[in-house]
Structures are given as C-alpha cells and as structure tokens.
Amino acid sequence: MTDRNLLGWGIAGTLIAAICCFTPTLVVLLGAIGLSAWLAGLDSVLMAALVGCAALTVYALMRKSRAAAERAE
C-alpha cells in the first residue's frame, strides 16, 4: 500500500469514526431502522476504531515524512 493510500484510508476512517462517536448520527439512524438495541456496546467499538484510525493516520504521516527525508539526502 502506498503512503498516499495509507494516509487517505487513515483520515477517512478517523472522520467516519469521529462522526459516529461525537454526533447522534448513528443513534438516529439505528433507531430509525429498528436496530437501537445494538447501541449498548457500540461506544467501546467506536472509540477503539477512532483510536486505531488516528494511529494509522499518524503512522502514515511518519512514514511519508521519513520517505521524503530519505529522498532529500
């Protein structure tokens, strides 16, 4: 996977997880389709996804800057 793809997936995953964690979007959507019983354990999964995607973004940025530093030498 290229640095650009890795960074894109990390940012996209972070944004999606943040939208689901910090806004009632997911609560409204699941309640509207009758799946609100799934909301009990959802916070732990979403927070883990948010942390994982943020870590992926940081890793991609570090990898990209390291590759740029090697090219500059």
C-alpha atoms as a PDB file:
ATOM      1  CA  MET A   1       0.000   0.000   0.000  1.00  0.00           C
ATOM      2  CA  THR A   2       1.400   3.369  -0.944  1.00  0.00           C
ATOM      3  CA  ASP A   3       1.880   6.185   1.559  1.00  0.00           C
ATOM      4  CA  ARG A   4      -0.842   8.221  -0.085  1.00  0.00           C
ATOM      5  CA  ASN A   5      -3.392   5.373   0.087  1.00  0.00           C
ATOM      6  CA  LEU A   6      -2.477   4.617   3.683  1.00  0.00           C
ATOM      7  CA  LEU A   7      -2.914   8.252   4.657  1.00  0.00           C
ATOM      8  CA  GLY A   8      -6.230   8.502   2.801  1.00  0.00           C
ATOM      9  CA  TRP A   9      -7.676   5.426   4.497  1.00  0.00           C
ATOM     10  CA  GLY A  10      -6.483   6.625   7.893  1.00  0.00           C
ATOM     11  CA  ILE A  11      -8.072  10.041   7.502  1.00  0.00           C
ATOM     12  CA  ALA A  12     -11.308   8.630   6.094  1.00  0.00           C
ATOM     13  CA  GLY A  13     -11.614   6.094   8.914  1.00  0.00           C
ATOM     14  CA  THR A  14     -10.888   8.734  11.538  1.00  0.00           C
ATOM     15  CA  LEU A  15     -13.533  11.063  10.135  1.00  0.00           C
ATOM     16  CA  ILE A  16     -16.180   8.354   9.922  1.00  0.00           C
ATOM     17  CA  ALA A  17     -15.489   7.132  13.458  1.00  0.00           C
ATOM     18  CA  ALA A  18     -15.484  10.702  14.789  1.00  0.00           C
ATOM     19  CA  ILE A  19     -18.832  11.455  13.165  1.00  0.00           C
ATOM     20  CA  CYS A  20     -20.335   8.322  14.699  1.00  0.00           C
ATOM     21  CA  CYS A  21     -18.809   8.961  18.146  1.00  0.00           C
ATOM     22  CA  PHE A  22     -19.414  12.638  18.652  1.00  0.00           C
ATOM     23  CA  THR A  23     -22.762  13.173  16.980  1.00  0.00           C
ATOM     24  CA  PRO A  24     -26.049  11.347  17.378  1.00  0.00           C
ATOM     25  CA  THR A  25     -25.993  10.357  13.717  1.00  0.00           C
ATOM     26  CA  LEU A  26     -25.593   6.660  14.407  1.00  0.00           C
ATOM     27  CA  VAL A  27     -28.176   6.705  17.196  1.00  0.00           C
ATOM     28  CA  VAL A  28     -30.762   8.321  14.938  1.00  0.00           C
ATOM     29  CA  LEU A  29     -30.023   6.008  12.010  1.00  0.00           C
ATOM     30  CA  LEU A  30     -30.133   2.799  14.045  1.00  0.00           C
ATOM     31  CA  GLY A  31     -33.255   3.950  15.885  1.00  0.00           C
ATOM     32  CA  ALA A  32     -34.983   4.752  12.615  1.00  0.00           C
ATOM     33  CA  ILE A  33     -34.465   1.273  11.231  1.00  0.00           C
ATOM     34  CA  GLY A  34     -35.259  -0.504  14.499  1.00  0.00           C
ATOM     35  CA  LEU A  35     -31.763  -1.587  15.497  1.00  0.00           C
ATOM     36  CA  SER A  36     -31.364   0.596  18.586  1.00  0.00           C
ATOM     37  CA  ALA A  37     -30.651  -2.473  20.768  1.00  0.00           C
ATOM     38  CA  TRP A  38     -27.158  -2.564  19.205  1.00  0.00           C
ATOM     39  CA  LEU A  39     -26.292   0.769  20.798  1.00  0.00           C
ATOM     40  CA  ALA A  40     -25.479  -0.702  24.233  1.00  0.00           C
ATOM     41  CA  GLY A  41     -21.914  -1.776  23.442  1.00  0.00           C
ATOM     42  CA  LEU A  42     -21.286   0.459  20.494  1.00  0.00           C
ATOM     43  CA  ASP A  43     -19.273   3.152  22.289  1.00  0.00           C
ATOM     44  CA  SER A  44     -16.379   0.847  23.089  1.00  0.00           C
ATOM     45  CA  VAL A  45     -16.176  -0.340  19.494  1.00  0.00           C
ATOM     46  CA  LEU A  46     -16.372   3.164  18.029  1.00  0.00           C
ATOM     47  CA  MET A  47     -13.753   4.586  20.386  1.00  0.00           C
ATOM     48  CA  ALA A  48     -11.398   1.720  19.528  1.00  0.00           C
ATOM     49  CA  ALA A  49     -11.985   2.351  15.824  1.00  0.00           C
ATOM     50  CA  LEU A  50     -11.335   6.064  16.304  1.00  0.00           C
ATOM     51  CA  VAL A  51      -8.064   5.445  18.145  1.00  0.00           C
ATOM     52  CA  GLY A  52      -6.971   2.825  15.605  1.00  0.00           C
ATOM     53  CA  CYS A  53      -7.685   5.025  12.604  1.00  0.00           C
ATOM     54  CA  ALA A  54      -5.966   8.003  14.234  1.00  0.00           C
ATOM     55  CA  ALA A  55      -2.932   5.808  14.903  1.00  0.00           C
ATOM     56  CA  LEU A  56      -2.977   4.700  11.254  1.00  0.00           C
ATOM     57  CA  THR A  57      -3.013   8.340  10.164  1.00  0.00           C
ATOM     58  CA  VAL A  58      -0.064   9.199  12.412  1.00  0.00           C
ATOM     59  CA  TYR A  59       1.863   6.158  11.141  1.00  0.00           C
ATOM     60  CA  ALA A  60       1.195   7.138   7.530  1.00  0.00           C
ATOM     61  CA  LEU A  61       2.364  10.706   8.168  1.00  0.00           C
ATOM     62  CA  MET A  62       5.549   9.468   9.853  1.00  0.00           C
ATOM     63  CA  ARG A  63       6.226   7.030   7.025  1.00  0.00           C
ATOM     64  CA  LYS A  64       5.631   9.729   4.426  1.00  0.00           C
ATOM     65  CA  SER A  65       7.928  12.237   6.145  1.00  0.00           C
ATOM     66  CA  ARG A  66      10.652   9.598   6.588  1.00  0.00           C
ATOM     67  CA  ALA A  67      10.467   8.737   2.890  1.00  0.00           C
ATOM     68  CA  ALA A  68      10.675  12.433   1.985  1.00  0.00           C
ATOM     69  CA  ALA A  69      13.746  12.844   4.229  1.00  0.00           C
ATOM     70  CA  GLU A  70      15.432   9.858   2.562  1.00  0.00           C
ATOM     71  CA  ARG A  71      14.750  11.312  -0.883  1.00  0.00           C
ATOM     72  CA  ALA A  72      16.243  14.651   0.191  1.00  0.00           C
ATOM     73  CA  GLU A  73      19.547  13.029   1.161  1.00  0.00           C
END
